PDB file of N, CA and C in Angstrom:
ATOM      1  N   MET A   1       0.843  -1.182   0.000  1.00  0.00           N
ATOM      2  CA  MET A   1       0.000   0.000   0.000  1.00  0.00           C
ATOM      3  C   MET A   1       0.881   1.235   0.000  1.00  0.00           C
ATOM      4  N   LEU A   2       0.537   2.171  -0.826  1.00  0.00           N
ATOM      5  CA  LEU A   2       1.234   3.446  -0.897  1.00  0.00           C
ATOM      6  C   LEU A   2       0.508   4.423   0.021  1.00  0.00           C
ATOM      7  N   VAL A   3       1.220   5.092   0.908  1.00  0.00           N
ATOM      8  CA  VAL A   3       0.617   6.010   1.868  1.00  0.00           C
ATOM      9  C   VAL A   3       1.105   7.428   1.580  1.00  0.00           C
ATOM     10  N   PHE A   4       0.157   8.367   1.522  1.00  0.00           N
ATOM     11  CA  PHE A   4       0.474   9.765   1.266  1.00  0.00           C
ATOM     12  C   PHE A   4       0.143  10.604   2.490  1.00  0.00           C
ATOM     13  N   VAL A   5       0.851  11.677   2.675  1.00  0.00           N
ATOM     14  CA  VAL A   5       0.522  12.673   3.688  1.00  0.00           C
ATOM     15  C   VAL A   5       0.066  13.920   2.932  1.00  0.00           C
ATOM     16  N   ARG A   6      -1.140  14.387   3.227  1.00  0.00           N
ATOM     17  CA  ARG A   6      -1.708  15.545   2.547  1.00  0.00           C
ATOM     18  C   ARG A   6      -2.306  16.478   3.584  1.00  0.00           C
ATOM     19  N   GLU A   7      -2.326  17.749   3.270  1.00  0.00           N
ATOM     20  CA  GLU A   7      -3.003  18.740   4.090  1.00  0.00           C
ATOM     21  C   GLU A   7      -4.291  19.147   3.379  1.00  0.00           C
ATOM     22  N   VAL A   8      -5.219  19.744   4.113  1.00  0.00           N
ATOM     23  CA  VAL A   8      -6.481  20.181   3.536  1.00  0.00           C
ATOM     24  C   VAL A   8      -6.203  21.073   2.323  1.00  0.00           C
ATOM     25  N   GLY A   9      -6.883  20.770   1.231  1.00  0.00           N
ATOM     26  CA  GLY A   9      -6.719  21.527  -0.001  1.00  0.00           C
ATOM     27  C   GLY A   9      -5.736  20.893  -0.980  1.00  0.00           C
ATOM     28  N   GLU A  10      -4.931  19.936  -0.514  1.00  0.00           N
ATOM     29  CA  GLU A  10      -3.965  19.267  -1.394  1.00  0.00           C
ATOM     30  C   GLU A  10      -4.609  18.048  -2.047  1.00  0.00           C
ATOM     31  N   SER A  11      -4.037  17.626  -3.175  1.00  0.00           N
ATOM     32  CA  SER A  11      -4.636  16.562  -3.982  1.00  0.00           C
ATOM     33  C   SER A  11      -3.639  15.471  -4.338  1.00  0.00           C
ATOM     34  N   LEU A  12      -4.199  14.366  -4.816  1.00  0.00           N
ATOM     35  CA  LEU A  12      -3.444  13.271  -5.422  1.00  0.00           C
ATOM     36  C   LEU A  12      -3.962  13.129  -6.847  1.00  0.00           C
ATOM     37  N   VAL A  13      -3.119  12.693  -7.754  1.00  0.00           N
ATOM     38  CA  VAL A  13      -3.536  12.464  -9.129  1.00  0.00           C
ATOM     39  C   VAL A  13      -3.281  11.004  -9.461  1.00  0.00           C
ATOM     40  N   ILE A  14      -4.301  10.344 -10.015  1.00  0.00           N
ATOM     41  CA  ILE A  14      -4.183   8.944 -10.442  1.00  0.00           C
ATOM     42  C   ILE A  14      -4.353   8.925 -11.946  1.00  0.00           C
ATOM     43  N   GLY A  15      -3.342   8.428 -12.633  1.00  0.00           N
ATOM     44  CA  GLY A  15      -3.395   8.432 -14.089  1.00  0.00           C
ATOM     45  C   GLY A  15      -3.432   9.855 -14.597  1.00  0.00           C
ATOM     46  N   ASP A  16      -4.124  10.046 -15.719  1.00  0.00           N
ATOM     47  CA  ASP A  16      -4.203  11.368 -16.329  1.00  0.00           C
ATOM     48  C   ASP A  16      -5.465  12.135 -15.958  1.00  0.00           C
ATOM     49  N   ASP A  17      -6.470  11.429 -15.393  1.00  0.00           N
ATOM     50  CA  ASP A  17      -7.758  12.102 -15.275  1.00  0.00           C
ATOM     51  C   ASP A  17      -8.530  11.842 -13.976  1.00  0.00           C
ATOM     52  N   ILE A  18      -7.866  11.347 -12.943  1.00  0.00           N
ATOM     53  CA  ILE A  18      -8.533  11.158 -11.662  1.00  0.00           C
ATOM     54  C   ILE A  18      -7.802  11.981 -10.605  1.00  0.00           C
ATOM     55  N   ILE A  19      -8.541  12.839  -9.918  1.00  0.00           N
ATOM     56  CA  ILE A  19      -7.962  13.686  -8.877  1.00  0.00           C
ATOM     57  C   ILE A  19      -8.721  13.440  -7.580  1.00  0.00           C
ATOM     58  N   ILE A  20      -7.982  13.202  -6.501  1.00  0.00           N
ATOM     59  CA  ILE A  20      -8.575  13.030  -5.178  1.00  0.00           C
ATOM     60  C   ILE A  20      -8.055  14.165  -4.316  1.00  0.00           C
ATOM     61  N   LYS A  21      -8.980  14.966  -3.790  1.00  0.00           N
ATOM     62  CA  LYS A  21      -8.608  16.154  -3.017  1.00  0.00           C
ATOM     63  C   LYS A  21      -9.051  15.990  -1.567  1.00  0.00           C
ATOM     64  N   LEU A  22      -8.153  16.310  -0.641  1.00  0.00           N
ATOM     65  CA  LEU A  22      -8.497  16.329   0.773  1.00  0.00           C
ATOM     66  C   LEU A  22      -9.260  17.621   1.039  1.00  0.00           C
ATOM     67  N   VAL A  23     -10.548  17.494   1.305  1.00  0.00           N
ATOM     68  CA  VAL A  23     -11.424  18.655   1.433  1.00  0.00           C
ATOM     69  C   VAL A  23     -11.472  19.169   2.865  1.00  0.00           C
ATOM     70  N   ASP A  24     -11.561  18.238   3.838  1.00  0.00           N
ATOM     71  CA  ASP A  24     -11.742  18.675   5.217  1.00  0.00           C
ATOM     72  C   ASP A  24     -11.392  17.541   6.181  1.00  0.00           C
ATOM     73  N   ILE A  25     -11.003  17.908   7.381  1.00  0.00           N
ATOM     74  CA  ILE A  25     -10.789  16.959   8.469  1.00  0.00           C
ATOM     75  C   ILE A  25     -11.432  17.566   9.718  1.00  0.00           C
ATOM     76  N   LYS A  26     -12.384  16.839  10.306  1.00  0.00           N
ATOM     77  CA  LYS A  26     -13.028  17.293  11.543  1.00  0.00           C
ATOM     78  C   LYS A  26     -13.231  16.100  12.464  1.00  0.00           C
ATOM     79  N   ARG A  27     -12.754  16.209  13.695  1.00  0.00           N
ATOM     80  CA  ARG A  27     -12.944  15.174  14.708  1.00  0.00           C
ATOM     81  C   ARG A  27     -12.595  13.782  14.187  1.00  0.00           C
ATOM     82  N   GLY A  28     -11.514  13.660  13.464  1.00  0.00           N
ATOM     83  CA  GLY A  28     -11.067  12.364  12.969  1.00  0.00           C
ATOM     84  C   GLY A  28     -11.772  11.859  11.726  1.00  0.00           C
ATOM     85  N   VAL A  29     -12.666  12.660  11.157  1.00  0.00           N
ATOM     86  CA  VAL A  29     -13.371  12.281   9.931  1.00  0.00           C
ATOM     87  C   VAL A  29     -12.759  13.043   8.768  1.00  0.00           C
ATOM     88  N   VAL A  30     -12.380  12.319   7.735  1.00  0.00           N
ATOM     89  CA  VAL A  30     -11.736  12.908   6.558  1.00  0.00           C
ATOM     90  C   VAL A  30     -12.753  12.989   5.429  1.00  0.00           C
ATOM     91  N   ARG A  31     -12.840  14.142   4.785  1.00  0.00           N
ATOM     92  CA  ARG A  31     -13.711  14.317   3.625  1.00  0.00           C
ATOM     93  C   ARG A  31     -12.835  14.422   2.383  1.00  0.00           C
ATOM     94  N   LEU A  32     -13.104  13.557   1.409  1.00  0.00           N
ATOM     95  CA  LEU A  32     -12.360  13.540   0.161  1.00  0.00           C
ATOM     96  C   LEU A  32     -13.279  13.938  -0.982  1.00  0.00           C
ATOM     97  N   GLY A  33     -12.731  14.663  -1.931  1.00  0.00           N
ATOM     98  CA  GLY A  33     -13.444  14.974  -3.167  1.00  0.00           C
ATOM     99  C   GLY A  33     -12.776  14.211  -4.293  1.00  0.00           C
ATOM    100  N   VAL A  34     -13.579  13.588  -5.159  1.00  0.00           N
ATOM    101  CA  VAL A  34     -13.042  12.798  -6.266  1.00  0.00           C
ATOM    102  C   VAL A  34     -13.548  13.380  -7.576  1.00  0.00           C
ATOM    103  N   SER A  35     -12.620  13.703  -8.459  1.00  0.00           N
ATOM    104  CA  SER A  35     -12.951  14.124  -9.822  1.00  0.00           C
ATOM    105  C   SER A  35     -12.465  13.036 -10.763  1.00  0.00           C
ATOM    106  N   ALA A  36     -13.406  12.443 -11.485  1.00  0.00           N
ATOM    107  CA  ALA A  36     -13.066  11.354 -12.398  1.00  0.00           C
ATOM    108  C   ALA A  36     -14.030  11.389 -13.575  1.00  0.00           C
ATOM    109  N   PRO A  37     -13.624  10.847 -14.716  1.00  0.00           N
ATOM    110  CA  PRO A  37     -14.530  10.779 -15.857  1.00  0.00           C
ATOM    111  C   PRO A  37     -15.764   9.939 -15.508  1.00  0.00           C
ATOM    112  N   ARG A  38     -16.883  10.211 -16.155  1.00  0.00           N
ATOM    113  CA  ARG A  38     -18.119   9.470 -15.889  1.00  0.00           C
ATOM    114  C   ARG A  38     -17.961   7.972 -16.110  1.00  0.00           C
ATOM    115  N   ARG A  39     -17.060   7.566 -16.991  1.00  0.00           N
ATOM    116  CA  ARG A  39     -16.870   6.143 -17.271  1.00  0.00           C
ATOM    117  C   ARG A  39     -16.226   5.393 -16.102  1.00  0.00           C
ATOM    118  N   VAL A  40     -15.648   6.123 -15.156  1.00  0.00           N
ATOM    119  CA  VAL A  40     -14.986   5.512 -13.995  1.00  0.00           C
ATOM    120  C   VAL A  40     -15.967   5.480 -12.827  1.00  0.00           C
ATOM    121  N   GLU A  41     -16.268   4.262 -12.354  1.00  0.00           N
ATOM    122  CA  GLU A  41     -17.154   4.132 -11.207  1.00  0.00           C
ATOM    123  C   GLU A  41     -16.362   4.409  -9.935  1.00  0.00           C
ATOM    124  N   VAL A  42     -16.943   5.195  -9.025  1.00  0.00           N
ATOM    125  CA  VAL A  42     -16.301   5.519  -7.758  1.00  0.00           C
ATOM    126  C   VAL A  42     -17.302   5.187  -6.645  1.00  0.00           C
ATOM    127  N   HIS A  43     -16.909   4.277  -5.752  1.00  0.00           N
ATOM    128  CA  HIS A  43     -17.784   3.855  -4.661  1.00  0.00           C
ATOM    129  C   HIS A  43     -16.998   3.776  -3.361  1.00  0.00           C
ATOM    130  N   ARG A  44     -17.692   3.961  -2.232  1.00  0.00           N
ATOM    131  CA  ARG A  44     -17.101   3.605  -0.947  1.00  0.00           C
ATOM    132  C   ARG A  44     -16.943   2.092  -0.948  1.00  0.00           C
ATOM    133  N   CYS A  45     -15.953   1.579  -0.231  1.00  0.00           N
ATOM    134  CA  CYS A  45     -15.640   0.154  -0.260  1.00  0.00           C
ATOM    135  C   CYS A  45     -16.846  -0.711   0.123  1.00  0.00           C
ATOM    136  N   GLU A  46     -17.583  -0.313   1.164  1.00  0.00           N
ATOM    137  CA  GLU A  46     -18.718  -1.135   1.595  1.00  0.00           C
ATOM    138  C   GLU A  46     -19.811  -1.189   0.527  1.00  0.00           C
ATOM    139  N   VAL A  47     -19.990  -0.134  -0.226  1.00  0.00           N
ATOM    140  CA  VAL A  47     -20.969  -0.124  -1.316  1.00  0.00           C
ATOM    141  C   VAL A  47     -20.473  -1.004  -2.452  1.00  0.00           C
ATOM    142  N   TYR A  48     -19.192  -0.895  -2.785  1.00  0.00           N
ATOM    143  CA  TYR A  48     -18.610  -1.717  -3.844  1.00  0.00           C
ATOM    144  C   TYR A  48     -18.772  -3.205  -3.530  1.00  0.00           C
ATOM    145  N   LYS A  49     -18.521  -3.580  -2.270  1.00  0.00           N
ATOM    146  CA  LYS A  49     -18.653  -4.989  -1.879  1.00  0.00           C
ATOM    147  C   LYS A  49     -20.091  -5.479  -2.034  1.00  0.00           C
ATOM    148  N   ARG A  50     -21.072  -4.640  -1.694  1.00  0.00           N
ATOM    149  CA  ARG A  50     -22.480  -5.034  -1.865  1.00  0.00           C
ATOM    150  C   ARG A  50     -22.824  -5.199  -3.338  1.00  0.00           C
ATOM    151  N   ILE A  51     -22.332  -4.295  -4.172  1.00  0.00           N
ATOM    152  CA  ILE A  51     -22.581  -4.398  -5.618  1.00  0.00           C
ATOM    153  C   ILE A  51     -21.998  -5.692  -6.154  1.00  0.00           C
ATOM    154  N   GLN A  52     -20.763  -6.002  -5.756  1.00  0.00           N
ATOM    155  CA  GLN A  52     -20.120  -7.227  -6.222  1.00  0.00           C
ATOM    156  C   GLN A  52     -20.852  -8.470  -5.717  1.00  0.00           C
ATOM    157  N   ALA A  53     -21.325  -8.433  -4.478  1.00  0.00           N
ATOM    158  CA  ALA A  53     -22.068  -9.573  -3.922  1.00  0.00           C
ATOM    159  C   ALA A  53     -23.361  -9.793  -4.705  1.00  0.00           C
ATOM    160  N   LEU A  54     -24.036  -8.716  -5.088  1.00  0.00           N
ATOM    161  CA  LEU A  54     -25.257  -8.830  -5.871  1.00  0.00           C
ATOM    162  C   LEU A  54     -24.985  -9.408  -7.255  1.00  0.00           C
ATOM    163  N   LYS A  55     -23.796  -9.129  -7.780  1.00  0.00           N
ATOM    164  CA  LYS A  55     -23.402  -9.656  -9.078  1.00  0.00           C
ATOM    165  C   LYS A  55     -22.856 -11.082  -8.973  1.00  0.00           C
ATOM    166  N   GLY A  56     -22.616 -11.545  -7.731  1.00  0.00           N
ATOM    167  CA  GLY A  56     -22.077 -12.887  -7.533  1.00  0.00           C
ATOM    168  C   GLY A  56     -20.591 -12.976  -7.780  1.00  0.00           C
ATOM    169  N   LYS A  57     -19.896 -11.848  -7.666  1.00  0.00           N
ATOM    170  CA  LYS A  57     -18.449 -11.824  -7.881  1.00  0.00           C
ATOM    171  C   LYS A  57     -17.729 -11.833  -6.549  1.00  0.00           C
ATOM    172  N   PRO A  58     -16.533 -12.418  -6.480  1.00  0.00           N
ATOM    173  CA  PRO A  58     -15.760 -12.396  -5.230  1.00  0.00           C
ATOM    174  C   PRO A  58     -15.337 -10.986  -4.875  1.00  0.00           C
ATOM    175  N   ARG A  59     -15.266 -10.708  -3.561  1.00  0.00           N
ATOM    176  CA  ARG A  59     -14.874  -9.385  -3.077  1.00  0.00           C
ATOM    177  C   ARG A  59     -13.354  -9.278  -2.977  1.00  0.00           C
ATOM    178  N   PRO A  60     -12.827  -8.083  -3.201  1.00  0.00           N
ATOM    179  CA  PRO A  60     -11.379  -7.887  -3.001  1.00  0.00           C
ATOM    180  C   PRO A  60     -11.058  -7.993  -1.524  1.00  0.00           C
ATOM    181  N   SER A  61      -9.834  -8.337  -1.189  1.00  0.00           N
ATOM    182  CA  SER A  61      -9.445  -8.530   0.211  1.00  0.00           C
ATOM    183  C   SER A  61      -9.187  -7.239   0.949  1.00  0.00           C
ATOM    184  N   ARG A  62      -9.239  -6.096   0.321  1.00  0.00           N
ATOM    185  CA  ARG A  62      -8.950  -4.810   0.971  1.00  0.00           C
ATOM    186  C   ARG A  62     -10.080  -4.348   1.822  1.00  0.00           C
TER     187      ARG A  62
END
């Protein structure tokens, strides 16, 4: 796993067209903003696992 240290307002770039921005941190809760093309699905992990379970696909170990 690659770990980054970011401050509020700073971003990460994945590939050429996905940007993840640290929007806010309050009481241990981190808010992230994700900018990605519409063709890229973006889900919280627990939602992704439910979608995969409904499709009958194995879940990732993360």
